[in-house]
Amino acid sequence: KAIYDMVIVDSSPLLPVTDGLHLARQADGVVLAVLQGRSRLPQVR
């Protein structure tokens, strides 16, 4: 954070693996990525 304006980290899916949740706790914010026709609204929620 001291060197760059923005750092983007790509992580594993949040529901089947907890790694992304642990990384997210260290971030200022999260942008969820979903796949059209595959990701379902209940899982995204």
All heavy atoms as atom14 arrays in JSON, in Angstrom:
{
  "sequence": "KAIYDMVIVDSSPLLPVTDGLHLARQADGVVLAVLQGRSRLPQVR",
  "atom14_mask": [
    [1, 1, 1, 1, 1, 1, 1, 1, 1, 0, 0, 0, 0, 0],
    [1, 1, 1, 1, 1, 0, 0, 0, 0, 0, 0, 0, 0, 0],
    [1, 1, 1, 1, 1, 1, 1, 1, 0, 0, 0, 0, 0, 0],
    [1, 1, 1, 1, 1, 1, 1, 1, 1, 1, 1, 1, 0, 0],
    [1, 1, 1, 1, 1, 1, 1, 1, 0, 0, 0, 0, 0, 0],
    [1, 1, 1, 1, 1, 1, 1, 1, 0, 0, 0, 0, 0, 0],
    [1, 1, 1, 1, 1, 1, 1, 0, 0, 0, 0, 0, 0, 0],
    [1, 1, 1, 1, 1, 1, 1, 1, 0, 0, 0, 0, 0, 0],
    [1, 1, 1, 1, 1, 1, 1, 0, 0, 0, 0, 0, 0, 0],
    [1, 1, 1, 1, 1, 1, 1, 1, 0, 0, 0, 0, 0, 0],
    [1, 1, 1, 1, 1, 1, 0, 0, 0, 0, 0, 0, 0, 0],
    [1, 1, 1, 1, 1, 1, 0, 0, 0, 0, 0, 0, 0, 0],
    [1, 1, 1, 1, 1, 1, 1, 0, 0, 0, 0, 0, 0, 0],
    [1, 1, 1, 1, 1, 1, 1, 1, 0, 0, 0, 0, 0, 0],
    [1, 1, 1, 1, 1, 1, 1, 1, 0, 0, 0, 0, 0, 0],
    [1, 1, 1, 1, 1, 1, 1, 0, 0, 0, 0, 0, 0, 0],
    [1, 1, 1, 1, 1, 1, 1, 0, 0, 0, 0, 0, 0, 0],
    [1, 1, 1, 1, 1, 1, 1, 0, 0, 0, 0, 0, 0, 0],
    [1, 1, 1, 1, 1, 1, 1, 1, 0, 0, 0, 0, 0, 0],
    [1, 1, 1, 1, 0, 0, 0, 0, 0, 0, 0, 0, 0, 0],
    [1, 1, 1, 1, 1, 1, 1, 1, 0, 0, 0, 0, 0, 0],
    [1, 1, 1, 1, 1, 1, 1, 1, 1, 1, 0, 0, 0, 0],
    [1, 1, 1, 1, 1, 1, 1, 1, 0, 0, 0, 0, 0, 0],
    [1, 1, 1, 1, 1, 0, 0, 0, 0, 0, 0, 0, 0, 0],
    [1, 1, 1, 1, 1, 1, 1, 1, 1, 1, 1, 0, 0, 0],
    [1, 1, 1, 1, 1, 1, 1, 1, 1, 0, 0, 0, 0, 0],
    [1, 1, 1, 1, 1, 0, 0, 0, 0, 0, 0, 0, 0, 0],
    [1, 1, 1, 1, 1, 1, 1, 1, 0, 0, 0, 0, 0, 0],
    [1, 1, 1, 1, 0, 0, 0, 0, 0, 0, 0, 0, 0, 0],
    [1, 1, 1, 1, 1, 1, 1, 0, 0, 0, 0, 0, 0, 0],
    [1, 1, 1, 1, 1, 1, 1, 0, 0, 0, 0, 0, 0, 0],
    [1, 1, 1, 1, 1, 1, 1, 1, 0, 0, 0, 0, 0, 0],
    [1, 1, 1, 1, 1, 0, 0, 0, 0, 0, 0, 0, 0, 0],
    [1, 1, 1, 1, 1, 1, 1, 0, 0, 0, 0, 0, 0, 0],
    [1, 1, 1, 1, 1, 1, 1, 1, 0, 0, 0, 0, 0, 0],
    [1, 1, 1, 1, 1, 1, 1, 1, 1, 0, 0, 0, 0, 0],
    [1, 1, 1, 1, 0, 0, 0, 0, 0, 0, 0, 0, 0, 0],
    [1, 1, 1, 1, 1, 1, 1, 1, 1, 1, 1, 0, 0, 0],
    [1, 1, 1, 1, 1, 1, 0, 0, 0, 0, 0, 0, 0, 0],
    [1, 1, 1, 1, 1, 1, 1, 1, 1, 1, 1, 0, 0, 0],
    [1, 1, 1, 1, 1, 1, 1, 1, 0, 0, 0, 0, 0, 0],
    [1, 1, 1, 1, 1, 1, 1, 0, 0, 0, 0, 0, 0, 0],
    [1, 1, 1, 1, 1, 1, 1, 1, 1, 0, 0, 0, 0, 0],
    [1, 1, 1, 1, 1, 1, 1, 0, 0, 0, 0, 0, 0, 0],
    [1, 1, 1, 1, 1, 1, 1, 1, 1, 1, 1, 0, 0, 0]
  ],
  "atom14_positions": [
    [[0.82, -1.22, 0.0], [0.0, 0.0, 0.0], [0.85, 1.26, 0.0], [0.45, 2.28, -0.54], [-0.93, 0.01, 1.21], [-2.14, -0.86, 1.08], [-2.92, -0.89, 2.36], [-3.78, 0.33, 2.51], [-4.74, 0.23, 3.63], [0.0, 0.0, 0.0], [0.0, 0.0, 0.0], [0.0, 0.0, 0.0], [0.0, 0.0, 0.0], [0.0, 0.0, 0.0]],
    [[2.03, 1.19, 0.6], [2.9, 2.35, 0.67], [3.54, 2.67, -0.68], [3.91, 3.81, -0.94], [3.99, 2.12, 1.71], [0.0, 0.0, 0.0], [0.0, 0.0, 0.0], [0.0, 0.0, 0.0], [0.0, 0.0, 0.0], [0.0, 0.0, 0.0], [0.0, 0.0, 0.0], [0.0, 0.0, 0.0], [0.0, 0.0, 0.0], [0.0, 0.0, 0.0]],
    [[3.62, 1.68, -1.56], [4.29, 1.86, -2.84], [3.31, 2.12, -3.98], [3.57, 2.94, -4.86], [5.14, 0.62, -3.18], [6.17, 0.38, -2.08], [5.81, 0.74, -4.53], [6.9, -0.94, -2.18], [0.0, 0.0, 0.0], [0.0, 0.0, 0.0], [0.0, 0.0, 0.0], [0.0, 0.0, 0.0], [0.0, 0.0, 0.0], [0.0, 0.0, 0.0]],
    [[2.17, 1.44, -3.98], [1.23, 1.48, -5.1], [-0.09, 2.13, -4.72], [-0.52, 2.08, -3.56], [0.96, 0.06, -5.61], [2.2, -0.62, -6.11], [2.86, -1.56, -5.32], [2.74, -0.32, -7.36], [4.01, -2.19, -5.77], [3.88, -0.94, -7.82], [4.51, -1.88, -7.01], [5.66, -2.49, -7.46], [0.0, 0.0, 0.0], [0.0, 0.0, 0.0]],
    [[-0.75, 2.72, -5.7], [-2.07, 3.31, -5.49], [-3.12, 2.23, -5.27], [-4.06, 2.41, -4.5], [-2.5, 4.16, -6.69], [-1.61, 5.38, -6.87], [-1.09, 5.88, -5.86], [-1.45, 5.82, -8.02], [0.0, 0.0, 0.0], [0.0, 0.0, 0.0], [0.0, 0.0, 0.0], [0.0, 0.0, 0.0], [0.0, 0.0, 0.0], [0.0, 0.0, 0.0]],
    [[-2.96, 1.12, -5.98], [-3.95, 0.05, -5.91], [-3.26, -1.3, -6.08], [-2.37, -1.44, -6.92], [-4.98, 0.23, -7.02], [-6.12, -0.73, -6.97], [-7.31, -0.46, -8.3], [-7.77, 1.24, -8.05], [0.0, 0.0, 0.0], [0.0, 0.0, 0.0], [0.0, 0.0, 0.0], [0.0, 0.0, 0.0], [0.0, 0.0, 0.0], [0.0, 0.0, 0.0]],
    [[-3.66, -2.26, -5.27], [-3.17, -3.63, -5.38], [-4.38, -4.53, -5.58], [-5.32, -4.49, -4.79], [-2.4, -4.07, -4.1], [-1.95, -5.51, -4.22], [-1.22, -3.14, -3.85], [0.0, 0.0, 0.0], [0.0, 0.0, 0.0], [0.0, 0.0, 0.0], [0.0, 0.0, 0.0], [0.0, 0.0, 0.0], [0.0, 0.0, 0.0], [0.0, 0.0, 0.0]],
    [[-4.36, -5.32, -6.64], [-5.47, -6.23, -6.94], [-4.98, -7.66, -6.76], [-3.94, -8.04, -7.3], [-5.99, -6.01, -8.37], [-6.52, -4.58, -8.51], [-7.06, -7.05, -8.71], [-6.89, -4.19, -9.9], [0.0, 0.0, 0.0], [0.0, 0.0, 0.0], [0.0, 0.0, 0.0], [0.0, 0.0, 0.0], [0.0, 0.0, 0.0], [0.0, 0.0, 0.0]],
    [[-5.73, -8.43, -5.99], [-5.38, -9.82, -5.72], [-6.52, -10.71, -6.23], [-7.67, -10.51, -5.85], [-5.18, -10.06, -4.2], [-4.86, -11.51, -3.93], [-4.09, -9.13, -3.67], [0.0, 0.0, 0.0], [0.0, 0.0, 0.0], [0.0, 0.0, 0.0], [0.0, 0.0, 0.0], [0.0, 0.0, 0.0], [0.0, 0.0, 0.0], [0.0, 0.0, 0.0]],
    [[-6.19, -11.67, -7.07], [-7.16, -12.64, -7.55], [-7.11, -13.83, -6.61], [-6.03, -14.3, -6.25], [-6.82, -13.06, -8.98], [-7.88, -13.95, -9.59], [-9.0, -14.02, -9.05], [-7.59, -14.58, -10.62], [0.0, 0.0, 0.0], [0.0, 0.0, 0.0], [0.0, 0.0, 0.0], [0.0, 0.0, 0.0], [0.0, 0.0, 0.0], [0.0, 0.0, 0.0]],
    [[-8.26, -14.31, -6.21], [-8.31, -15.36, -5.2], [-9.2, -16.51, -5.67], [-9.88, -16.42, -6.69], [-8.85, -14.76, -3.9], [-8.99, -15.76, -2.94], [0.0, 0.0, 0.0], [0.0, 0.0, 0.0], [0.0, 0.0, 0.0], [0.0, 0.0, 0.0], [0.0, 0.0, 0.0], [0.0, 0.0, 0.0], [0.0, 0.0, 0.0], [0.0, 0.0, 0.0]],
    [[-9.21, -17.55, -4.87], [-10.05, -18.71, -5.14], [-11.53, -18.37, -4.87], [-11.83, -17.36, -4.23], [-9.62, -19.86, -4.22], [-9.7, -19.45, -2.87], [0.0, 0.0, 0.0], [0.0, 0.0, 0.0], [0.0, 0.0, 0.0], [0.0, 0.0, 0.0], [0.0, 0.0, 0.0], [0.0, 0.0, 0.0], [0.0, 0.0, 0.0], [0.0, 0.0, 0.0]],
    [[-12.45, -19.19, -5.35], [-13.87, -18.97, -5.07], [-14.13, -18.93, -3.56], [-13.49, -19.66, -2.79], [-14.56, -20.17, -5.7], [-13.6, -20.68, -6.72], [-12.23, -20.38, -6.18], [0.0, 0.0, 0.0], [0.0, 0.0, 0.0], [0.0, 0.0, 0.0], [0.0, 0.0, 0.0], [0.0, 0.0, 0.0], [0.0, 0.0, 0.0], [0.0, 0.0, 0.0]],
    [[-15.05, -18.08, -3.14], [-15.29, -17.89, -1.71], [-16.08, -19.01, -1.03], [-15.87, -19.29, 0.14], [-16.03, -16.56, -1.47], [-15.25, -15.31, -1.83], [-16.13, -14.09, -1.6], [-13.99, -15.21, -1.02], [0.0, 0.0, 0.0], [0.0, 0.0, 0.0], [0.0, 0.0, 0.0], [0.0, 0.0, 0.0], [0.0, 0.0, 0.0], [0.0, 0.0, 0.0]],
    [[-17.01, -19.61, -1.73], [-17.87, -20.58, -1.08], [-17.2, -21.94, -0.84], [-17.29, -22.47, 0.26], [-19.18, -20.75, -1.85], [-20.05, -19.48, -1.9], [-21.33, -19.76, -2.67], [-20.35, -18.95, -0.53], [0.0, 0.0, 0.0], [0.0, 0.0, 0.0], [0.0, 0.0, 0.0], [0.0, 0.0, 0.0], [0.0, 0.0, 0.0], [0.0, 0.0, 0.0]],
    [[-16.52, -22.54, -1.82], [-15.96, -23.86, -1.56], [-14.64, -23.84, -0.8], [-14.24, -24.83, -0.2], [-15.76, -24.45, -2.96], [-15.65, -23.3, -3.87], [-16.46, -22.19, -3.24], [0.0, 0.0, 0.0], [0.0, 0.0, 0.0], [0.0, 0.0, 0.0], [0.0, 0.0, 0.0], [0.0, 0.0, 0.0], [0.0, 0.0, 0.0], [0.0, 0.0, 0.0]],
    [[-13.92, -22.68, -0.81], [-12.6, -22.6, -0.2], [-12.54, -21.33, 0.65], [-12.98, -20.28, 0.22], [-11.5, -22.51, -1.29], [-10.12, -22.52, -0.68], [-11.64, -23.63, -2.3], [0.0, 0.0, 0.0], [0.0, 0.0, 0.0], [0.0, 0.0, 0.0], [0.0, 0.0, 0.0], [0.0, 0.0, 0.0], [0.0, 0.0, 0.0], [0.0, 0.0, 0.0]],
    [[-11.99, -21.42, 1.85], [-11.98, -20.26, 2.75], [-10.79, -19.33, 2.53], [-10.74, -18.25, 3.13], [-11.98, -20.71, 4.22], [-10.81, -21.47, 4.48], [-13.22, -21.51, 4.54], [0.0, 0.0, 0.0], [0.0, 0.0, 0.0], [0.0, 0.0, 0.0], [0.0, 0.0, 0.0], [0.0, 0.0, 0.0], [0.0, 0.0, 0.0], [0.0, 0.0, 0.0]],
    [[-9.85, -19.68, 1.68], [-8.66, -18.85, 1.47], [-9.03, -17.42, 1.08], [-8.44, -16.46, 1.57], [-7.77, -19.44, 0.38], [-7.24, -20.81, 0.73], [-7.49, -21.29, 1.85], [-6.56, -21.42, -0.12], [0.0, 0.0, 0.0], [0.0, 0.0, 0.0], [0.0, 0.0, 0.0], [0.0, 0.0, 0.0], [0.0, 0.0, 0.0], [0.0, 0.0, 0.0]],
    [[-9.99, -17.28, 0.17], [-10.4, -15.96, -0.28], [-10.97, -15.1, 0.83], [-10.76, -13.88, 0.87], [0.0, 0.0, 0.0], [0.0, 0.0, 0.0], [0.0, 0.0, 0.0], [0.0, 0.0, 0.0], [0.0, 0.0, 0.0], [0.0, 0.0, 0.0], [0.0, 0.0, 0.0], [0.0, 0.0, 0.0], [0.0, 0.0, 0.0], [0.0, 0.0, 0.0]],
    [[-11.69, -15.73, 1.75], [-12.25, -14.98, 2.89], [-11.14, -14.46, 3.79], [-11.21, -13.32, 4.28], [-13.2, -15.87, 3.69], [-14.5, -16.25, 2.99], [-15.26, -17.29, 3.82], [-15.36, -15.03, 2.74], [0.0, 0.0, 0.0], [0.0, 0.0, 0.0], [0.0, 0.0, 0.0], [0.0, 0.0, 0.0], [0.0, 0.0, 0.0], [0.0, 0.0, 0.0]],
    [[-10.1, -15.26, 3.99], [-8.98, -14.81, 4.82], [-8.23, -13.66, 4.15], [-7.85, -12.69, 4.82], [-8.02, -15.97, 5.1], [-8.62, -17.04, 5.94], [-8.97, -16.85, 7.26], [-8.95, -18.32, 5.66], [-9.49, -17.96, 7.75], [-9.49, -18.87, 6.79], [0.0, 0.0, 0.0], [0.0, 0.0, 0.0], [0.0, 0.0, 0.0], [0.0, 0.0, 0.0]],
    [[-8.04, -13.75, 2.84], [-7.4, -12.65, 2.11], [-8.26, -11.39, 2.14], [-7.75, -10.28, 2.3], [-7.15, -13.05, 0.66], [-5.98, -13.98, 0.4], [-5.99, -14.44, -1.05], [-4.67, -13.28, 0.72], [0.0, 0.0, 0.0], [0.0, 0.0, 0.0], [0.0, 0.0, 0.0], [0.0, 0.0, 0.0], [0.0, 0.0, 0.0], [0.0, 0.0, 0.0]],
    [[-9.55, -11.56, 1.98], [-10.47, -10.43, 1.94], [-10.42, -9.6, 3.22], [-10.58, -8.38, 3.18], [-11.9, -10.91, 1.68], [0.0, 0.0, 0.0], [0.0, 0.0, 0.0], [0.0, 0.0, 0.0], [0.0, 0.0, 0.0], [0.0, 0.0, 0.0], [0.0, 0.0, 0.0], [0.0, 0.0, 0.0], [0.0, 0.0, 0.0], [0.0, 0.0, 0.0]],
    [[-10.19, -10.25, 4.33], [-10.13, -9.54, 5.61], [-8.96, -8.56, 5.66], [-8.96, -7.62, 6.44], [-10.04, -10.54, 6.76], [-11.31, -11.35, 6.88], [-11.23, -12.39, 7.95], [-11.22, -11.73, 9.25], [-10.9, -12.34, 10.38], [-10.57, -13.61, 10.37], [-10.92, -11.69, 11.51], [0.0, 0.0, 0.0], [0.0, 0.0, 0.0], [0.0, 0.0, 0.0]],
    [[-7.95, -8.79, 4.82], [-6.77, -7.91, 4.78], [-6.94, -6.79, 3.76], [-6.1, -5.9, 3.69], [-5.53, -8.74, 4.43], [-5.27, -9.89, 5.36], [-5.12, -9.45, 6.81], [-4.4, -8.5, 7.1], [-5.79, -10.13, 7.71], [0.0, 0.0, 0.0], [0.0, 0.0, 0.0], [0.0, 0.0, 0.0], [0.0, 0.0, 0.0], [0.0, 0.0, 0.0]],
    [[-8.0, -6.84, 2.97], [-8.19, -5.88, 1.89], [-9.06, -4.7, 2.32], [-9.83, -4.8, 3.27], [-8.85, -6.59, 0.7], [0.0, 0.0, 0.0], [0.0, 0.0, 0.0], [0.0, 0.0, 0.0], [0.0, 0.0, 0.0], [0.0, 0.0, 0.0], [0.0, 0.0, 0.0], [0.0, 0.0, 0.0], [0.0, 0.0, 0.0], [0.0, 0.0, 0.0]],
    [[-8.96, -3.61, 1.59], [-9.82, -2.44, 1.82], [-11.21, -2.68, 1.26], [-12.17, -2.06, 1.69], [-9.22, -1.2, 1.18], [-7.92, -0.78, 1.85], [-7.78, -1.0, 3.07], [-7.05, -0.24, 1.16], [0.0, 0.0, 0.0], [0.0, 0.0, 0.0], [0.0, 0.0, 0.0], [0.0, 0.0, 0.0], [0.0, 0.0, 0.0], [0.0, 0.0, 0.0]],
    [[-11.31, -3.57, 0.27], [-12.59, -3.87, -0.34], [-12.45, -5.03, -1.31], [-11.35, -5.42, -1.68], [0.0, 0.0, 0.0], [0.0, 0.0, 0.0], [0.0, 0.0, 0.0], [0.0, 0.0, 0.0], [0.0, 0.0, 0.0], [0.0, 0.0, 0.0], [0.0, 0.0, 0.0], [0.0, 0.0, 0.0], [0.0, 0.0, 0.0], [0.0, 0.0, 0.0]],
    [[-13.6, -5.56, -1.72], [-13.63, -6.73, -2.59], [-14.59, -6.48, -3.74], [-15.67, -5.92, -3.56], [-14.09, -7.98, -1.8], [-14.36, -9.16, -2.71], [-13.06, -8.35, -0.75], [0.0, 0.0, 0.0], [0.0, 0.0, 0.0], [0.0, 0.0, 0.0], [0.0, 0.0, 0.0], [0.0, 0.0, 0.0], [0.0, 0.0, 0.0], [0.0, 0.0, 0.0]],
    [[-14.17, -6.9, -4.93], [-15.04, -6.92, -6.1], [-15.29, -8.39, -6.42], [-14.34, -9.14, -6.67], [-14.39, -6.21, -7.3], [-15.27, -6.34, -8.54], [-14.13, -4.76, -6.98], [0.0, 0.0, 0.0], [0.0, 0.0, 0.0], [0.0, 0.0, 0.0], [0.0, 0.0, 0.0], [0.0, 0.0, 0.0], [0.0, 0.0, 0.0], [0.0, 0.0, 0.0]],
    [[-16.55, -8.81, -6.39], [-16.88, -10.2, -6.69], [-16.89, -10.4, -8.2], [-17.38, -9.55, -8.95], [-18.26, -10.55, -6.14], [-18.38, -10.64, -4.62], [-19.84, -10.81, -4.23], [-17.55, -11.79, -4.09], [0.0, 0.0, 0.0], [0.0, 0.0, 0.0], [0.0, 0.0, 0.0], [0.0, 0.0, 0.0], [0.0, 0.0, 0.0], [0.0, 0.0, 0.0]],
    [[-16.36, -11.52, -8.65], [-16.39, -11.89, -10.07], [-17.34, -13.07, -10.23], [-17.24, -14.06, -9.5], [-15.0, -12.26, -10.55], [0.0, 0.0, 0.0], [0.0, 0.0, 0.0], [0.0, 0.0, 0.0], [0.0, 0.0, 0.0], [0.0, 0.0, 0.0], [0.0, 0.0, 0.0], [0.0, 0.0, 0.0], [0.0, 0.0, 0.0], [0.0, 0.0, 0.0]],
    [[-18.28, -12.94, -11.16], [-19.23, -14.02, -11.42], [-19.19, -14.37, -12.91], [-18.78, -13.56, -13.74], [-20.67, -13.65, -11.0], [-20.74, -13.36, -9.52], [-21.18, -12.46, -11.79], [0.0, 0.0, 0.0], [0.0, 0.0, 0.0], [0.0, 0.0, 0.0], [0.0, 0.0, 0.0], [0.0, 0.0, 0.0], [0.0, 0.0, 0.0], [0.0, 0.0, 0.0]],
    [[-19.61, -15.56, -13.25], [-19.6, -16.04, -14.62], [-21.03, -16.14, -15.13], [-21.86, -16.86, -14.55], [-18.91, -17.4, -14.7], [-18.71, -18.0, -16.08], [-17.9, -17.07, -16.97], [-18.0, -19.34, -15.96], [0.0, 0.0, 0.0], [0.0, 0.0, 0.0], [0.0, 0.0, 0.0], [0.0, 0.0, 0.0], [0.0, 0.0, 0.0], [0.0, 0.0, 0.0]],
    [[-21.32, -15.4, -16.2], [-22.66, -15.4, -16.76], [-23.05, -16.83, -17.18], [-22.27, -17.54, -17.78], [-22.76, -14.49, -17.97], [-24.14, -14.44, -18.56], [-24.22, -13.58, -19.81], [-23.22, -13.22, -20.39], [-25.42, -13.26, -20.2], [0.0, 0.0, 0.0], [0.0, 0.0, 0.0], [0.0, 0.0, 0.0], [0.0, 0.0, 0.0], [0.0, 0.0, 0.0]],
    [[-24.26, -17.22, -16.81], [-24.76, -18.54, -17.17], [-24.29, -19.65, -16.25], [-24.74, -20.78, -16.36], [0.0, 0.0, 0.0], [0.0, 0.0, 0.0], [0.0, 0.0, 0.0], [0.0, 0.0, 0.0], [0.0, 0.0, 0.0], [0.0, 0.0, 0.0], [0.0, 0.0, 0.0], [0.0, 0.0, 0.0], [0.0, 0.0, 0.0], [0.0, 0.0, 0.0]],
    [[-23.38, -19.35, -15.35], [-22.85, -20.37, -14.43], [-23.09, -20.01, -12.97], [-23.54, -20.83, -12.19], [-21.36, -20.54, -14.71], [-20.68, -21.51, -13.83], [-20.4, -22.8, -14.52], [-19.92, -23.77, -13.57], [-18.84, -24.46, -13.72], [-18.11, -24.33, -14.8], [-18.47, -25.34, -12.81], [0.0, 0.0, 0.0], [0.0, 0.0, 0.0], [0.0, 0.0, 0.0]],
    [[-22.75, -18.78, -12.61], [-22.94, -18.33, -11.23], [-24.44, -18.13, -10.98], [-25.15, -17.59, -11.83], [-22.21, -17.01, -10.99], [-20.83, -17.17, -11.22], [0.0, 0.0, 0.0], [0.0, 0.0, 0.0], [0.0, 0.0, 0.0], [0.0, 0.0, 0.0], [0.0, 0.0, 0.0], [0.0, 0.0, 0.0], [0.0, 0.0, 0.0], [0.0, 0.0, 0.0]],
    [[-24.9, -18.54, -9.84], [-26.31, -18.42, -9.48], [-26.48, -17.36, -8.4], [-25.66, -17.23, -7.5], [-26.86, -19.77, -9.0], [-26.78, -20.86, -10.04], [-27.79, -20.57, -11.14], [-27.7, -21.54, -12.21], [-27.49, -21.22, -13.47], [-27.35, -19.97, -13.83], [-27.43, -22.15, -14.4], [0.0, 0.0, 0.0], [0.0, 0.0, 0.0], [0.0, 0.0, 0.0]],
    [[-27.56, -16.61, -8.51], [-27.81, -15.5, -7.61], [-27.78, -15.9, -6.12], [-27.17, -15.18, -5.33], [-29.13, -14.82, -7.96], [-29.41, -13.49, -7.28], [-28.28, -12.5, -7.48], [-30.71, -12.91, -7.8], [0.0, 0.0, 0.0], [0.0, 0.0, 0.0], [0.0, 0.0, 0.0], [0.0, 0.0, 0.0], [0.0, 0.0, 0.0], [0.0, 0.0, 0.0]],
    [[-28.37, -17.02, -5.72], [-28.29, -17.37, -4.29], [-26.84, -17.55, -3.8], [-26.51, -17.14, -2.69], [-29.07, -18.68, -4.2], [-30.0, -18.66, -5.36], [-29.25, -17.94, -6.45], [0.0, 0.0, 0.0], [0.0, 0.0, 0.0], [0.0, 0.0, 0.0], [0.0, 0.0, 0.0], [0.0, 0.0, 0.0], [0.0, 0.0, 0.0], [0.0, 0.0, 0.0]],
    [[-25.99, -18.11, -4.64], [-24.59, -18.3, -4.25], [-23.84, -16.97, -4.22], [-22.99, -16.74, -3.35], [-23.89, -19.28, -5.2], [-24.28, -20.72, -4.96], [-25.62, -21.08, -5.6], [-26.09, -20.42, -6.52], [-26.24, -22.13, -5.09], [0.0, 0.0, 0.0], [0.0, 0.0, 0.0], [0.0, 0.0, 0.0], [0.0, 0.0, 0.0], [0.0, 0.0, 0.0]],
    [[-24.15, -16.08, -5.16], [-23.52, -14.77, -5.16], [-23.92, -14.0, -3.9], [-23.08, -13.38, -3.24], [-23.9, -13.97, -6.43], [-23.36, -12.55, -6.37], [-23.4, -14.69, -7.68], [0.0, 0.0, 0.0], [0.0, 0.0, 0.0], [0.0, 0.0, 0.0], [0.0, 0.0, 0.0], [0.0, 0.0, 0.0], [0.0, 0.0, 0.0], [0.0, 0.0, 0.0]],
    [[-25.18, -14.06, -3.56], [-25.66, -13.4, -2.33], [-24.99, -14.0, -1.09], [-24.64, -13.28, -0.16], [-27.17, -13.52, -2.23], [-27.89, -12.6, -3.17], [-29.39, -12.7, -2.98], [-30.06, -11.72, -3.83], [-31.25, -11.88, -4.34], [-31.95, -12.97, -4.08], [-31.78, -10.95, -5.09], [0.0, 0.0, 0.0], [0.0, 0.0, 0.0], [0.0, 0.0, 0.0]]
  ]
}
